[in-house]
Amino acid sequence: MIFVYNLELKNTDFSHQTKQLLNYVSIDRIKKIQSYKFSVDQLLSLYGELLVRKGIMDLTGMKNEEIDFNIGLYGKPYVMQLDGIFFNISHTRDCVCCCLSTEHQIGIDVERIQSPPYEIMRDFFHPNEIKMINSPKNDDRDNLFYEMWTRKEAYLKRKGIGINQEITKCDTLQVEDCFHTLRIKNYFCTICSEESTLHSLTELSERELFNYFIKE
């Protein structure tokens, strides 16, 4: 089953209160957060790991302090104590999402909907994908652009192969993987997995996530 968690930033200040949440993430994550110059990037990085931790705790009943991450093949993180939980994180401007699967490797991408950069299509999409976006039958070209964009990113992240010069040879319209595309407010989010069932989408506020880890 696939479980998705989403959080949209409303406050981009890394406040004293928010800094308390650093006690609930890994040392490696703290170092990564500190490497960012802008507070919005620090927050997205912080909330990304916290969403994964919440998902793991919800699914397994583990305590936060029991969760220990390591880096596996292709640089993908995994939980050392768990063989059957797979996860992935994505963020864009003011929004972070994570997905977890109890069965298969998984990838996710989220993008804020704005004026699409159609000029990059030949550098990013397979000819079949471009043909679909430009099809006269398509009456919502902007949305389809972002659906195809997030499909591509989610597929590459699931495979762990990253973006490279072969990207235009990858046709996500022909692969056997299952894609689940969600429209969440002003964002497009796509999950790629072998699983055909999306179990749940949980939308959290910053306050709700804070209260989950820090009981007042």
C-alpha atoms as a PDB file:
ATOM      1  CA  MET A   1       0.000   0.000   0.000  1.00  0.00           C
ATOM      2  CA  ILE A   2       1.055   3.587  -0.671  1.00  0.00           C
ATOM      3  CA  PHE A   3       0.777   6.343   1.920  1.00  0.00           C
ATOM      4  CA  VAL A   4       1.360  10.005   1.025  1.00  0.00           C
ATOM      5  CA  TYR A   5       2.026  12.904   3.396  1.00  0.00           C
ATOM      6  CA  ASN A   6       1.928  16.535   2.344  1.00  0.00           C
ATOM      7  CA  LEU A   7       2.782  19.805   4.060  1.00  0.00           C
ATOM      8  CA  GLU A   8       2.481  23.313   2.619  1.00  0.00           C
ATOM      9  CA  LEU A   9       4.588  26.018   4.235  1.00  0.00           C
ATOM     10  CA  LYS A  10       2.703  29.006   5.560  1.00  0.00           C
ATOM     11  CA  ASN A  11       5.597  30.512   7.496  1.00  0.00           C
ATOM     12  CA  THR A  12       9.100  30.539   6.043  1.00  0.00           C
ATOM     13  CA  ASP A  13      10.845  31.815   9.191  1.00  0.00           C
ATOM     14  CA  PHE A  14      13.051  29.294  10.963  1.00  0.00           C
ATOM     15  CA  SER A  15      11.803  30.342  14.408  1.00  0.00           C
ATOM     16  CA  HIS A  16      13.112  29.414  17.828  1.00  0.00           C
ATOM     17  CA  GLN A  17      10.085  27.169  18.255  1.00  0.00           C
ATOM     18  CA  THR A  18      10.721  25.398  14.961  1.00  0.00           C
ATOM     19  CA  LYS A  19      14.359  24.800  15.930  1.00  0.00           C
ATOM     20  CA  GLN A  20      13.087  22.521  18.701  1.00  0.00           C
ATOM     21  CA  LEU A  21      12.214  20.020  15.968  1.00  0.00           C
ATOM     22  CA  LEU A  22      15.918  19.572  15.198  1.00  0.00           C
ATOM     23  CA  ASN A  23      15.991  17.285  18.239  1.00  0.00           C
ATOM     24  CA  TYR A  24      13.822  14.796  16.331  1.00  0.00           C
ATOM     25  CA  VAL A  25      15.870  14.348  13.145  1.00  0.00           C
ATOM     26  CA  SER A  26      19.211  12.705  12.412  1.00  0.00           C
ATOM     27  CA  ILE A  27      22.617  14.331  12.789  1.00  0.00           C
ATOM     28  CA  ASP A  28      23.129  14.020   9.041  1.00  0.00           C
ATOM     29  CA  ARG A  29      19.875  15.844   8.428  1.00  0.00           C
ATOM     30  CA  ILE A  30      20.874  18.641  10.802  1.00  0.00           C
ATOM     31  CA  LYS A  31      24.129  19.081   8.892  1.00  0.00           C
ATOM     32  CA  LYS A  32      22.221  19.212   5.628  1.00  0.00           C
ATOM     33  CA  ILE A  33      19.777  21.773   7.036  1.00  0.00           C
ATOM     34  CA  GLN A  34      22.639  23.934   8.252  1.00  0.00           C
ATOM     35  CA  SER A  35      24.247  23.843   4.814  1.00  0.00           C
ATOM     36  CA  TYR A  36      21.332  25.740   3.278  1.00  0.00           C
ATOM     37  CA  LYS A  37      21.496  29.510   3.104  1.00  0.00           C
ATOM     38  CA  PHE A  38      17.775  30.290   2.994  1.00  0.00           C
ATOM     39  CA  SER A  39      15.312  29.477   5.758  1.00  0.00           C
ATOM     40  CA  VAL A  40      12.702  28.103   3.349  1.00  0.00           C
ATOM     41  CA  ASP A  41      15.169  25.444   2.155  1.00  0.00           C
ATOM     42  CA  GLN A  42      16.072  24.629   5.752  1.00  0.00           C
ATOM     43  CA  LEU A  43      12.413  24.170   6.628  1.00  0.00           C
ATOM     44  CA  LEU A  44      11.647  21.983   3.623  1.00  0.00           C
ATOM     45  CA  SER A  45      14.600  19.746   4.470  1.00  0.00           C
ATOM     46  CA  LEU A  46      13.551  19.531   8.124  1.00  0.00           C
ATOM     47  CA  TYR A  47       9.903  18.818   7.390  1.00  0.00           C
ATOM     48  CA  GLY A  48      10.817  16.259   4.736  1.00  0.00           C
ATOM     49  CA  GLU A  49      12.526  13.988   7.240  1.00  0.00           C
ATOM     50  CA  LEU A  50       9.873  14.616   9.876  1.00  0.00           C
ATOM     51  CA  LEU A  51       7.134  13.539   7.454  1.00  0.00           C
ATOM     52  CA  VAL A  52       9.017  10.318   6.718  1.00  0.00           C
ATOM     53  CA  ARG A  53       9.504   9.683  10.414  1.00  0.00           C
ATOM     54  CA  LYS A  54       5.813  10.273  11.106  1.00  0.00           C
ATOM     55  CA  GLY A  55       4.875   7.911   8.296  1.00  0.00           C
ATOM     56  CA  ILE A  56       7.159   5.177   9.614  1.00  0.00           C
ATOM     57  CA  MET A  57       5.840   5.637  13.141  1.00  0.00           C
ATOM     58  CA  ASP A  58       2.230   5.498  11.890  1.00  0.00           C
ATOM     59  CA  LEU A  59       2.855   2.328   9.873  1.00  0.00           C
ATOM     60  CA  THR A  60       5.062   0.389  12.276  1.00  0.00           C
ATOM     61  CA  GLY A  61       4.466   1.721  15.769  1.00  0.00           C
ATOM     62  CA  MET A  62       8.177   2.429  16.125  1.00  0.00           C
ATOM     63  CA  LYS A  63       9.322   5.249  18.364  1.00  0.00           C
ATOM     64  CA  ASN A  64      11.123   8.152  16.728  1.00  0.00           C
ATOM     65  CA  GLU A  65      14.376   7.436  18.556  1.00  0.00           C
ATOM     66  CA  GLU A  66      14.345   3.886  17.168  1.00  0.00           C
ATOM     67  CA  ILE A  67      14.445   5.070  13.543  1.00  0.00           C
ATOM     68  CA  ASP A  68      17.953   5.027  12.092  1.00  0.00           C
ATOM     69  CA  PHE A  69      18.607   5.935   8.455  1.00  0.00           C
ATOM     70  CA  ASN A  70      21.381   4.689   6.226  1.00  0.00           C
ATOM     71  CA  ILE A  71      22.285   5.236   2.571  1.00  0.00           C
ATOM     72  CA  GLY A  72      21.850   2.380   0.131  1.00  0.00           C
ATOM     73  CA  LEU A  73      22.287   1.764  -3.578  1.00  0.00           C
ATOM     74  CA  TYR A  74      22.229   4.891  -5.774  1.00  0.00           C
ATOM     75  CA  GLY A  75      22.306   7.059  -2.652  1.00  0.00           C
ATOM     76  CA  LYS A  76      18.728   6.232  -1.637  1.00  0.00           C
ATOM     77  CA  PRO A  77      18.161   6.331   2.134  1.00  0.00           C
ATOM     78  CA  TYR A  78      16.524   3.462   3.991  1.00  0.00           C
ATOM     79  CA  VAL A  79      15.663   2.536   7.571  1.00  0.00           C
ATOM     80  CA  MET A  80      18.230   0.114   8.932  1.00  0.00           C
ATOM     81  CA  GLN A  81      15.721  -1.765  11.096  1.00  0.00           C
ATOM     82  CA  LEU A  82      13.126  -2.223   8.333  1.00  0.00           C
ATOM     83  CA  ASP A  83      13.308  -4.309   5.175  1.00  0.00           C
ATOM     84  CA  GLY A  84       9.742  -3.784   3.994  1.00  0.00           C
ATOM     85  CA  ILE A  85       9.257  -0.025   4.151  1.00  0.00           C
ATOM     86  CA  PHE A  86      10.286   2.121   1.188  1.00  0.00           C
ATOM     87  CA  PHE A  87      10.032   5.898   1.021  1.00  0.00           C
ATOM     88  CA  ASN A  88      10.884   8.956  -1.018  1.00  0.00           C
ATOM     89  CA  ILE A  89      10.720  12.732  -0.499  1.00  0.00           C
ATOM     90  CA  SER A  90      10.156  15.660  -2.852  1.00  0.00           C
ATOM     91  CA  HIS A  91       9.776  19.369  -2.329  1.00  0.00           C
ATOM     92  CA  THR A  92       9.173  22.465  -4.361  1.00  0.00           C
ATOM     93  CA  ARG A  93       8.555  26.061  -3.443  1.00  0.00           C
ATOM     94  CA  ASP A  94       6.650  26.129  -0.123  1.00  0.00           C
ATOM     95  CA  CYS A  95       5.595  22.472  -0.271  1.00  0.00           C
ATOM     96  CA  VAL A  96       7.072  19.119   0.737  1.00  0.00           C
ATOM     97  CA  CYS A  97       5.679  15.627   0.144  1.00  0.00           C
ATOM     98  CA  CYS A  98       6.764  12.134   1.061  1.00  0.00           C
ATOM     99  CA  CYS A  99       5.428   8.735   0.107  1.00  0.00           C
ATOM    100  CA  LEU A 100       5.859   5.371   1.780  1.00  0.00           C
ATOM    101  CA  SER A 101       5.223   1.882   0.461  1.00  0.00           C
ATOM    102  CA  THR A 102       4.931  -1.388   2.342  1.00  0.00           C
ATOM    103  CA  GLU A 103       5.816  -3.468  -0.718  1.00  0.00           C
ATOM    104  CA  HIS A 104       7.986  -1.858  -3.414  1.00  0.00           C
ATOM    105  CA  GLN A 105      10.523   0.833  -4.203  1.00  0.00           C
ATOM    106  CA  ILE A 106       8.779   4.138  -4.746  1.00  0.00           C
ATOM    107  CA  GLY A 107       9.412   7.612  -6.147  1.00  0.00           C
ATOM    108  CA  ILE A 108       7.612  10.928  -5.791  1.00  0.00           C
ATOM    109  CA  ASP A 109       7.800  14.381  -7.322  1.00  0.00           C
ATOM    110  CA  VAL A 110       5.867  17.537  -6.525  1.00  0.00           C
ATOM    111  CA  GLU A 111       5.863  20.746  -8.552  1.00  0.00           C
ATOM    112  CA  ARG A 112       4.187  24.084  -8.063  1.00  0.00           C
ATOM    113  CA  ILE A 113       1.839  24.928 -10.927  1.00  0.00           C
ATOM    114  CA  GLN A 114       2.902  28.046 -12.775  1.00  0.00           C
ATOM    115  CA  SER A 115       3.549  29.043 -16.360  1.00  0.00           C
ATOM    116  CA  PRO A 116       5.167  25.893 -17.860  1.00  0.00           C
ATOM    117  CA  PRO A 117       8.650  26.191 -19.405  1.00  0.00           C
ATOM    118  CA  TYR A 118       7.665  24.555 -22.676  1.00  0.00           C
ATOM    119  CA  GLU A 119      11.030  25.469 -24.176  1.00  0.00           C
ATOM    120  CA  ILE A 120      12.766  22.716 -22.171  1.00  0.00           C
ATOM    121  CA  MET A 121      10.579  19.871 -23.464  1.00  0.00           C
ATOM    122  CA  ARG A 122      13.061  18.636 -26.064  1.00  0.00           C
ATOM    123  CA  ASP A 123      15.749  18.425 -23.392  1.00  0.00           C
ATOM    124  CA  PHE A 124      13.574  16.614 -20.861  1.00  0.00           C
ATOM    125  CA  PHE A 125      10.758  14.642 -22.501  1.00  0.00           C
ATOM    126  CA  HIS A 126      10.589  11.657 -24.813  1.00  0.00           C
ATOM    127  CA  PRO A 127       9.082  12.458 -28.260  1.00  0.00           C
ATOM    128  CA  ASN A 128       5.945  10.464 -27.341  1.00  0.00           C
ATOM    129  CA  GLU A 129       5.516  12.528 -24.193  1.00  0.00           C
ATOM    130  CA  ILE A 130       5.885  15.766 -26.168  1.00  0.00           C
ATOM    131  CA  LYS A 131       3.357  14.494 -28.699  1.00  0.00           C
ATOM    132  CA  MET A 132       0.830  13.873 -25.935  1.00  0.00           C
ATOM    133  CA  ILE A 133       1.355  17.310 -24.375  1.00  0.00           C
ATOM    134  CA  ASN A 134       0.934  18.995 -27.769  1.00  0.00           C
ATOM    135  CA  SER A 135      -1.977  16.840 -28.897  1.00  0.00           C
ATOM    136  CA  PRO A 136      -4.960  18.821 -30.300  1.00  0.00           C
ATOM    137  CA  LYS A 137      -7.144  16.513 -28.178  1.00  0.00           C
ATOM    138  CA  ASN A 138      -5.542  17.915 -25.047  1.00  0.00           C
ATOM    139  CA  ASP A 139      -7.596  20.840 -23.789  1.00  0.00           C
ATOM    140  CA  ASP A 140      -5.449  21.482 -20.706  1.00  0.00           C
ATOM    141  CA  ARG A 141      -1.872  21.640 -21.952  1.00  0.00           C
ATOM    142  CA  ASP A 142      -0.455  23.363 -18.856  1.00  0.00           C
ATOM    143  CA  ASN A 143      -1.709  20.695 -16.443  1.00  0.00           C
ATOM    144  CA  LEU A 144      -0.605  17.861 -18.713  1.00  0.00           C
ATOM    145  CA  PHE A 145       2.881  19.373 -18.868  1.00  0.00           C
ATOM    146  CA  TYR A 146       3.169  19.172 -15.089  1.00  0.00           C
ATOM    147  CA  GLU A 147       1.633  15.721 -14.976  1.00  0.00           C
ATOM    148  CA  MET A 148       4.256  14.463 -17.439  1.00  0.00           C
ATOM    149  CA  TRP A 149       7.037  16.367 -15.662  1.00  0.00           C
ATOM    150  CA  THR A 150       6.205  14.819 -12.282  1.00  0.00           C
ATOM    151  CA  ARG A 151       5.742  11.370 -13.858  1.00  0.00           C
ATOM    152  CA  LYS A 152       9.239  11.558 -15.296  1.00  0.00           C
ATOM    153  CA  GLU A 153      10.841  12.738 -12.050  1.00  0.00           C
ATOM    154  CA  ALA A 154       8.968  10.193  -9.923  1.00  0.00           C
ATOM    155  CA  TYR A 155       9.918   7.347 -12.267  1.00  0.00           C
ATOM    156  CA  LEU A 156      13.613   8.284 -12.276  1.00  0.00           C
ATOM    157  CA  LYS A 157      13.625   8.620  -8.491  1.00  0.00           C
ATOM    158  CA  ARG A 158      11.964   5.219  -8.065  1.00  0.00           C
ATOM    159  CA  LYS A 159      14.604   3.676 -10.300  1.00  0.00           C
ATOM    160  CA  GLY A 160      17.334   5.629  -8.506  1.00  0.00           C
ATOM    161  CA  ILE A 161      18.999   6.588 -11.770  1.00  0.00           C
ATOM    162  CA  GLY A 162      18.734  10.376 -11.573  1.00  0.00           C
ATOM    163  CA  ILE A 163      18.557  12.871 -14.417  1.00  0.00           C
ATOM    164  CA  ASN A 164      21.188  12.336 -17.115  1.00  0.00           C
ATOM    165  CA  GLN A 165      21.739  12.677 -20.822  1.00  0.00           C
ATOM    166  CA  GLU A 166      19.558   9.611 -21.478  1.00  0.00           C
ATOM    167  CA  ILE A 167      16.459  11.255 -20.038  1.00  0.00           C
ATOM    168  CA  THR A 168      14.823  11.896 -23.408  1.00  0.00           C
ATOM    169  CA  LYS A 169      15.050   8.167 -24.202  1.00  0.00           C
ATOM    170  CA  CYS A 170      12.861   7.353 -21.215  1.00  0.00           C
ATOM    171  CA  ASP A 171       9.193   7.143 -22.236  1.00  0.00           C
ATOM    172  CA  THR A 172       7.012   6.993 -19.119  1.00  0.00           C
ATOM    173  CA  LEU A 173       3.979   6.304 -21.310  1.00  0.00           C
ATOM    174  CA  GLN A 174       5.401   2.879 -22.117  1.00  0.00           C
ATOM    175  CA  VAL A 175       6.770   1.684 -18.768  1.00  0.00           C
ATOM    176  CA  GLU A 176       4.896  -0.911 -16.706  1.00  0.00           C
ATOM    177  CA  ASP A 177       5.054   1.064 -13.470  1.00  0.00           C
ATOM    178  CA  CYS A 178       1.890   2.500 -11.944  1.00  0.00           C
ATOM    179  CA  PHE A 179       1.545   6.269 -11.650  1.00  0.00           C
ATOM    180  CA  HIS A 180      -0.705   8.090  -9.202  1.00  0.00           C
ATOM    181  CA  THR A 181      -1.077  11.803  -9.952  1.00  0.00           C
ATOM    182  CA  LEU A 182      -2.677  14.123  -7.411  1.00  0.00           C
ATOM    183  CA  ARG A 183      -3.680  17.758  -7.685  1.00  0.00           C
ATOM    184  CA  ILE A 184      -3.086  19.240  -4.225  1.00  0.00           C
ATOM    185  CA  LYS A 185      -4.152  22.890  -4.233  1.00  0.00           C
ATOM    186  CA  ASN A 186      -1.583  24.665  -6.461  1.00  0.00           C
ATOM    187  CA  TYR A 187       0.686  21.639  -6.831  1.00  0.00           C
ATOM    188  CA  PHE A 188       0.939  18.554  -8.995  1.00  0.00           C
ATOM    189  CA  CYS A 189       2.251  15.454  -7.258  1.00  0.00           C
ATOM    190  CA  THR A 190       2.956  12.086  -8.882  1.00  0.00           C
ATOM    191  CA  ILE A 191       3.925   8.820  -7.179  1.00  0.00           C
ATOM    192  CA  CYS A 192       5.560   5.991  -9.127  1.00  0.00           C
ATOM    193  CA  SER A 193       5.494   2.406  -7.898  1.00  0.00           C
ATOM    194  CA  GLU A 194       4.578  -1.116  -8.925  1.00  0.00           C
ATOM    195  CA  GLU A 195       1.503  -0.830  -6.724  1.00  0.00           C
ATOM    196  CA  SER A 196      -1.863   0.045  -8.198  1.00  0.00           C
ATOM    197  CA  THR A 197      -3.478   1.160  -4.924  1.00  0.00           C
ATOM    198  CA  LEU A 198      -2.989   4.543  -3.281  1.00  0.00           C
ATOM    199  CA  HIS A 199      -4.133   4.027   0.301  1.00  0.00           C
ATOM    200  CA  SER A 200      -4.213   7.549   1.704  1.00  0.00           C
ATOM    201  CA  LEU A 201      -3.177  11.188   1.427  1.00  0.00           C
ATOM    202  CA  THR A 202      -2.546  12.978   4.713  1.00  0.00           C
ATOM    203  CA  GLU A 203      -2.276  16.763   4.574  1.00  0.00           C
ATOM    204  CA  LEU A 204      -0.595  18.300   7.610  1.00  0.00           C
ATOM    205  CA  SER A 205      -0.033  21.847   8.786  1.00  0.00           C
ATOM    206  CA  GLU A 206       3.197  22.986  10.382  1.00  0.00           C
ATOM    207  CA  ARG A 207       1.396  23.207  13.734  1.00  0.00           C
ATOM    208  CA  GLU A 208       0.045  19.666  13.441  1.00  0.00           C
ATOM    209  CA  LEU A 209       3.485  18.277  12.635  1.00  0.00           C
ATOM    210  CA  PHE A 210       5.028  20.267  15.497  1.00  0.00           C
ATOM    211  CA  ASN A 211       2.425  18.943  17.946  1.00  0.00           C
ATOM    212  CA  TYR A 212       2.963  15.377  16.742  1.00  0.00           C
ATOM    213  CA  PHE A 213       6.577  15.414  17.877  1.00  0.00           C
ATOM    214  CA  ILE A 214       6.401  17.924  20.704  1.00  0.00           C
ATOM    215  CA  LYS A 215       3.497  17.270  23.001  1.00  0.00           C
ATOM    216  CA  GLU A 216       2.293  20.458  24.606  1.00  0.00           C
END
